[in-house]
Amino acid sequence: MIFDNHIHTRFSADSDMLAIDALDVAARQGIGLVFTEHIDFDYPGDLDFTFDPQEYWRTYGPYRGSSLALGAELGLAPGQTERDQAFLTQAPFDAIIGSVHLLDGRDLYNASSYEARSQQEVYTQYYTAMADLIREYAFIDVLGHIDYICRYAPYAQPGVHYELFREWIDGVLQALVDTDTVLELNTRRFGDRLAMKELVAVYKRYYELGGRYVTLGSDAHSPEAIGASFALAQDFAAACRLQPVTFFARKMVCL
């Protein structure tokens, strides 16, 4: 069974999805799910991207089993590993995604993150910070959406641009290999053929550097997004010689 390893339900501040609706859609698709609720203590906006891990476990624990694992998506921030590790000890999480959502304390979703700054400057900072944070947070299982910045950057060509940023992207990929952290294949931008084409160079380079595994994740915040573009994602992973995996009880499981 293939798993969608990146799902947000009502325990995430930006989702109202009910577990029962997510599980119903997954059952109809014949896939498993990993709930990965946001935990981002440093988020600067009005939304509260934290949750009570014990309540989370009480609520969803009865559903946990062969087709559902319970995890979290941890917003990575410099100098905060002790605090974040303390949070993760409060429940027996199955999988931890680590994601870079912020630069200089600002969400990359917001236009203010790019004001009066060139793409070269912002992307170099983004990839440099990501490589450093992967090493700082060596206890995470998965790096989420390496191309998060490409969703929102206001530049004419916001893609990952491996050839332009090879040195910095290689730094990210080497950090993943060195820390045994799995690279997520996030399908959020798979509706864009150019985006997929640009990502091929990144994932093939990941393999060249020693990476062998990926998780597939839709980053769904609503039922209709679950499993989005997963047939394409499986073909993509195969073309890059990467093995799809999931996590249960913090142990990797090949699919």
Protein backbone atom coordinates (compact mmCIF):
# COMPACT_ATOMS: atom_id res chain seq x y z
CA MET A 1 0.00 0.00 0.00
CA ILE A 2 1.28 3.46 -0.89
CA PHE A 3 1.01 6.20 1.76
CA ASP A 4 0.24 9.89 1.58
CA ASN A 5 2.72 11.04 4.21
CA HIS A 6 1.78 14.72 4.51
CA ILE A 7 -1.79 15.41 5.69
CA HIS A 8 -3.26 18.23 7.80
CA THR A 9 -6.54 17.92 9.68
CA ARG A 10 -8.33 20.21 12.14
CA PHE A 11 -5.41 19.97 14.58
CA SER A 12 -3.56 22.26 12.16
CA ALA A 13 -4.54 25.93 12.31
CA ASP A 14 -4.90 26.16 8.53
CA SER A 15 -7.13 23.09 8.06
CA ASP A 16 -10.70 22.14 8.97
CA MET A 17 -10.49 18.61 7.57
CA LEU A 18 -12.05 15.88 9.70
CA ALA A 19 -10.19 12.62 10.17
CA ILE A 20 -13.21 10.57 9.13
CA ASP A 21 -13.40 12.42 5.80
CA ALA A 22 -9.69 11.97 5.15
CA LEU A 23 -9.85 8.27 5.95
CA ASP A 24 -12.90 7.80 3.72
CA VAL A 25 -11.13 9.36 0.73
CA ALA A 26 -7.98 7.33 1.38
CA ALA A 27 -9.95 4.09 1.63
CA ARG A 28 -11.59 4.77 -1.72
CA GLN A 29 -8.16 5.40 -3.25
CA GLY A 30 -6.63 2.36 -1.58
CA ILE A 31 -3.85 4.36 0.11
CA GLY A 32 -2.68 4.86 3.68
CA LEU A 33 -2.25 8.20 5.44
CA VAL A 34 0.12 9.90 7.85
CA PHE A 35 -1.42 12.84 9.68
CA THR A 36 1.27 15.49 10.11
CA GLU A 37 -0.15 18.41 12.06
CA HIS A 38 1.69 21.72 12.15
CA ILE A 39 3.84 22.52 15.15
CA ASP A 40 5.53 25.85 14.53
CA PHE A 41 6.20 27.75 17.76
CA ASP A 42 7.90 30.61 15.94
CA TYR A 43 5.14 31.42 13.48
CA PRO A 44 4.81 35.23 13.35
CA GLY A 45 1.19 35.55 12.16
CA ASP A 46 -2.18 35.46 13.89
CA LEU A 47 -2.66 31.71 13.47
CA ASP A 48 -1.56 29.41 16.29
CA PHE A 49 0.40 26.61 14.64
CA THR A 50 0.64 24.49 17.78
CA PHE A 51 -1.50 21.71 19.21
CA ASP A 52 -1.85 19.58 22.31
CA PRO A 53 -0.06 16.30 21.49
CA GLN A 54 -1.87 14.35 24.18
CA GLU A 55 -5.28 15.48 22.95
CA TYR A 56 -4.16 14.64 19.42
CA TRP A 57 -3.29 11.13 20.51
CA ARG A 58 -6.50 10.64 22.49
CA THR A 59 -8.56 11.78 19.51
CA TYR A 60 -6.82 9.91 16.70
CA GLY A 61 -5.20 7.04 18.56
CA PRO A 62 -8.23 4.77 18.00
CA TYR A 63 -7.82 5.18 14.21
CA ARG A 64 -4.08 4.48 14.20
CA GLY A 65 -3.14 1.20 12.56
CA SER A 66 -2.00 -0.39 9.34
CA SER A 67 -3.41 2.42 7.18
CA LEU A 68 -2.95 5.44 9.46
CA ALA A 69 0.10 6.78 11.26
CA LEU A 70 0.22 9.88 13.44
CA GLY A 71 2.97 12.42 12.96
CA ALA A 72 3.77 16.10 12.97
CA GLU A 73 5.26 18.72 10.68
CA LEU A 74 7.79 20.67 12.69
CA GLY A 75 8.68 24.19 11.59
CA LEU A 76 12.47 24.35 11.85
CA ALA A 77 14.04 27.32 13.61
CA PRO A 78 17.68 27.99 14.57
CA GLY A 79 18.59 27.35 18.18
CA GLN A 80 15.29 25.70 19.14
CA THR A 81 16.04 21.99 19.01
CA GLU A 82 15.83 21.48 22.77
CA ARG A 83 12.37 23.03 22.93
CA ASP A 84 11.15 21.11 19.90
CA GLN A 85 12.52 17.78 21.07
CA ALA A 86 10.75 18.31 24.39
CA PHE A 87 7.46 18.72 22.52
CA LEU A 88 8.00 15.50 20.58
CA THR A 89 8.48 13.49 23.79
CA GLN A 90 4.87 14.22 24.80
CA ALA A 91 3.40 11.60 22.43
CA PRO A 92 4.74 8.51 20.61
CA PHE A 93 4.74 10.12 17.17
CA ASP A 94 5.19 7.85 14.17
CA ALA A 95 6.82 10.35 11.80
CA ILE A 96 8.32 13.81 11.99
CA ILE A 97 8.58 16.06 8.96
CA GLY A 98 10.88 19.04 9.34
CA SER A 99 10.07 22.03 7.13
CA VAL A 100 11.50 25.46 6.45
CA HIS A 101 8.60 27.90 6.29
CA LEU A 102 10.33 31.03 7.60
CA LEU A 103 13.30 33.18 6.66
CA ASP A 104 14.32 35.96 9.02
CA GLY A 105 11.16 35.25 11.00
CA ARG A 106 8.85 35.85 8.03
CA ASP A 107 6.71 33.23 6.31
CA LEU A 108 7.76 32.66 2.71
CA TYR A 109 4.04 32.69 1.94
CA ASN A 110 4.06 36.47 2.50
CA ALA A 111 5.15 39.01 -0.10
CA SER A 112 7.17 40.89 2.54
CA SER A 113 9.73 38.06 2.50
CA TYR A 114 10.81 39.10 -1.00
CA GLU A 115 10.55 42.90 -0.99
CA ALA A 116 13.57 44.63 -2.55
CA ARG A 117 15.48 41.36 -2.67
CA SER A 118 16.74 39.49 -5.72
CA GLN A 119 15.88 35.89 -6.40
CA GLN A 120 19.57 35.02 -6.10
CA GLU A 121 19.73 36.51 -2.62
CA VAL A 122 16.55 34.93 -1.30
CA TYR A 123 17.04 31.47 -2.78
CA THR A 124 20.66 31.28 -1.66
CA GLN A 125 19.61 32.17 1.87
CA TYR A 126 16.75 29.66 1.73
CA TYR A 127 18.89 26.70 0.68
CA THR A 128 21.72 27.65 3.04
CA ALA A 129 19.34 27.87 5.99
CA MET A 130 17.75 24.57 5.02
CA ALA A 131 21.08 22.72 4.93
CA ASP A 132 22.07 24.13 8.30
CA LEU A 133 18.72 23.26 9.88
CA ILE A 134 18.77 19.67 8.60
CA ARG A 135 22.04 19.17 10.46
CA GLU A 136 20.78 20.98 13.55
CA TYR A 137 17.58 18.90 13.56
CA ALA A 138 19.21 15.56 12.77
CA PHE A 139 16.43 13.80 14.73
CA ILE A 140 13.69 14.51 12.16
CA ASP A 141 12.68 11.74 9.76
CA VAL A 142 11.80 13.68 6.62
CA LEU A 143 12.57 17.03 5.00
CA GLY A 144 9.28 18.54 3.80
CA HIS A 145 8.73 20.27 0.45
CA ILE A 146 12.21 21.34 -0.61
CA ASP A 147 10.44 23.58 -3.15
CA TYR A 148 8.14 25.38 -0.67
CA ILE A 149 9.59 28.74 -1.70
CA CYS A 150 8.62 28.13 -5.33
CA ARG A 151 4.92 28.17 -4.46
CA TYR A 152 4.96 31.82 -3.46
CA ALA A 153 8.09 33.59 -4.74
CA PRO A 154 6.96 36.52 -6.95
CA TYR A 155 9.76 36.16 -9.49
CA ALA A 156 9.16 35.57 -13.20
CA GLN A 157 10.62 32.05 -12.95
CA PRO A 158 10.18 30.87 -9.34
CA GLY A 159 11.27 27.26 -9.85
CA VAL A 160 14.07 25.45 -8.00
CA HIS A 161 16.64 26.12 -10.77
CA TYR A 162 19.14 23.40 -9.88
CA GLU A 163 21.76 24.61 -12.37
CA LEU A 164 21.69 28.15 -10.96
CA PHE A 165 21.76 27.06 -7.32
CA ARG A 166 23.66 23.79 -7.62
CA GLU A 167 26.15 24.57 -4.84
CA TRP A 168 23.45 25.40 -2.30
CA ILE A 169 21.00 22.66 -3.28
CA ASP A 170 23.82 20.12 -3.13
CA GLY A 171 24.45 21.36 0.41
CA VAL A 172 20.87 20.49 1.31
CA LEU A 173 21.02 17.08 -0.34
CA GLN A 174 24.37 16.22 1.27
CA ALA A 175 22.98 17.19 4.67
CA LEU A 176 20.07 14.79 4.10
CA VAL A 177 22.41 11.93 3.22
CA ASP A 178 24.76 12.66 6.12
CA THR A 179 21.93 12.70 8.68
CA ASP A 180 19.90 9.80 7.20
CA THR A 181 16.97 12.15 6.65
CA VAL A 182 14.52 11.19 3.89
CA LEU A 183 13.61 13.69 1.18
CA GLU A 184 9.91 14.24 0.64
CA LEU A 185 8.46 14.23 -2.86
CA ASN A 186 5.70 16.78 -2.38
CA THR A 187 3.05 16.70 -5.12
CA ARG A 188 1.58 20.14 -4.42
CA ARG A 189 3.15 21.57 -7.62
CA PHE A 190 2.75 18.47 -9.79
CA GLY A 191 -0.02 20.14 -11.79
CA ASP A 192 2.76 22.19 -13.37
CA ARG A 193 4.79 20.13 -15.85
CA LEU A 194 7.67 22.60 -15.80
CA ALA A 195 7.85 22.36 -12.00
CA MET A 196 8.10 18.58 -12.25
CA LYS A 197 10.79 18.79 -14.92
CA GLU A 198 12.88 21.15 -12.78
CA LEU A 199 12.60 18.84 -9.77
CA VAL A 200 13.95 15.84 -11.69
CA ALA A 201 17.49 17.26 -11.57
CA VAL A 202 17.24 17.69 -7.79
CA TYR A 203 16.02 14.17 -7.08
CA LYS A 204 18.47 12.54 -9.47
CA ARG A 205 21.28 14.43 -7.78
CA TYR A 206 19.97 13.25 -4.40
CA TYR A 207 20.39 9.68 -5.67
CA GLU A 208 23.91 10.43 -6.97
CA LEU A 209 24.92 11.69 -3.53
CA GLY A 210 23.63 8.53 -1.84
CA GLY A 211 19.96 9.23 -1.18
CA ARG A 212 17.75 6.22 -1.78
CA TYR A 213 14.36 6.94 -0.22
CA VAL A 214 11.48 9.39 -0.57
CA THR A 215 8.14 9.87 1.08
CA LEU A 216 5.22 10.90 -1.10
CA GLY A 217 3.11 13.71 0.31
CA SER A 218 0.21 15.74 -1.04
CA ASP A 219 0.31 18.35 1.75
CA ALA A 220 -3.48 18.06 1.74
CA HIS A 221 -5.53 20.42 3.88
CA SER A 222 -8.84 19.23 2.42
CA PRO A 223 -10.19 15.82 1.37
CA GLU A 224 -10.10 16.47 -2.37
CA ALA A 225 -6.32 17.06 -2.26
CA ILE A 226 -5.46 13.70 -0.69
CA GLY A 227 -3.34 11.51 -2.95
CA ALA A 228 -3.13 14.24 -5.59
CA SER A 229 -0.91 13.29 -8.55
CA PHE A 230 0.30 10.13 -6.82
CA ALA A 231 0.48 8.09 -10.04
CA LEU A 232 2.80 10.74 -11.44
CA ALA A 233 4.77 10.80 -8.20
CA GLN A 234 5.34 7.04 -8.24
CA ASP A 235 6.57 7.23 -11.84
CA PHE A 236 8.79 10.19 -10.89
CA ALA A 237 10.35 8.28 -7.98
CA ALA A 238 10.96 5.23 -10.17
CA ALA A 239 12.61 7.35 -12.86
CA CYS A 240 14.96 8.77 -10.21
CA ARG A 241 15.60 5.25 -8.80
CA LEU A 242 14.19 6.25 -5.41
CA GLN A 243 12.20 3.95 -3.12
CA PRO A 244 8.93 5.28 -1.62
CA VAL A 245 8.76 4.74 2.15
CA THR A 246 6.64 5.62 5.14
CA PHE A 247 7.30 5.75 8.88
CA PHE A 248 5.65 3.99 11.80
CA ALA A 249 6.92 4.32 15.38
CA ARG A 250 9.79 6.41 13.94
CA LYS A 251 11.00 3.45 11.88
CA MET A 252 11.19 3.54 8.10
CA VAL A 253 9.03 1.08 6.18
CA CYS A 254 9.65 0.44 2.47
CA LEU A 255 6.52 0.30 0.32
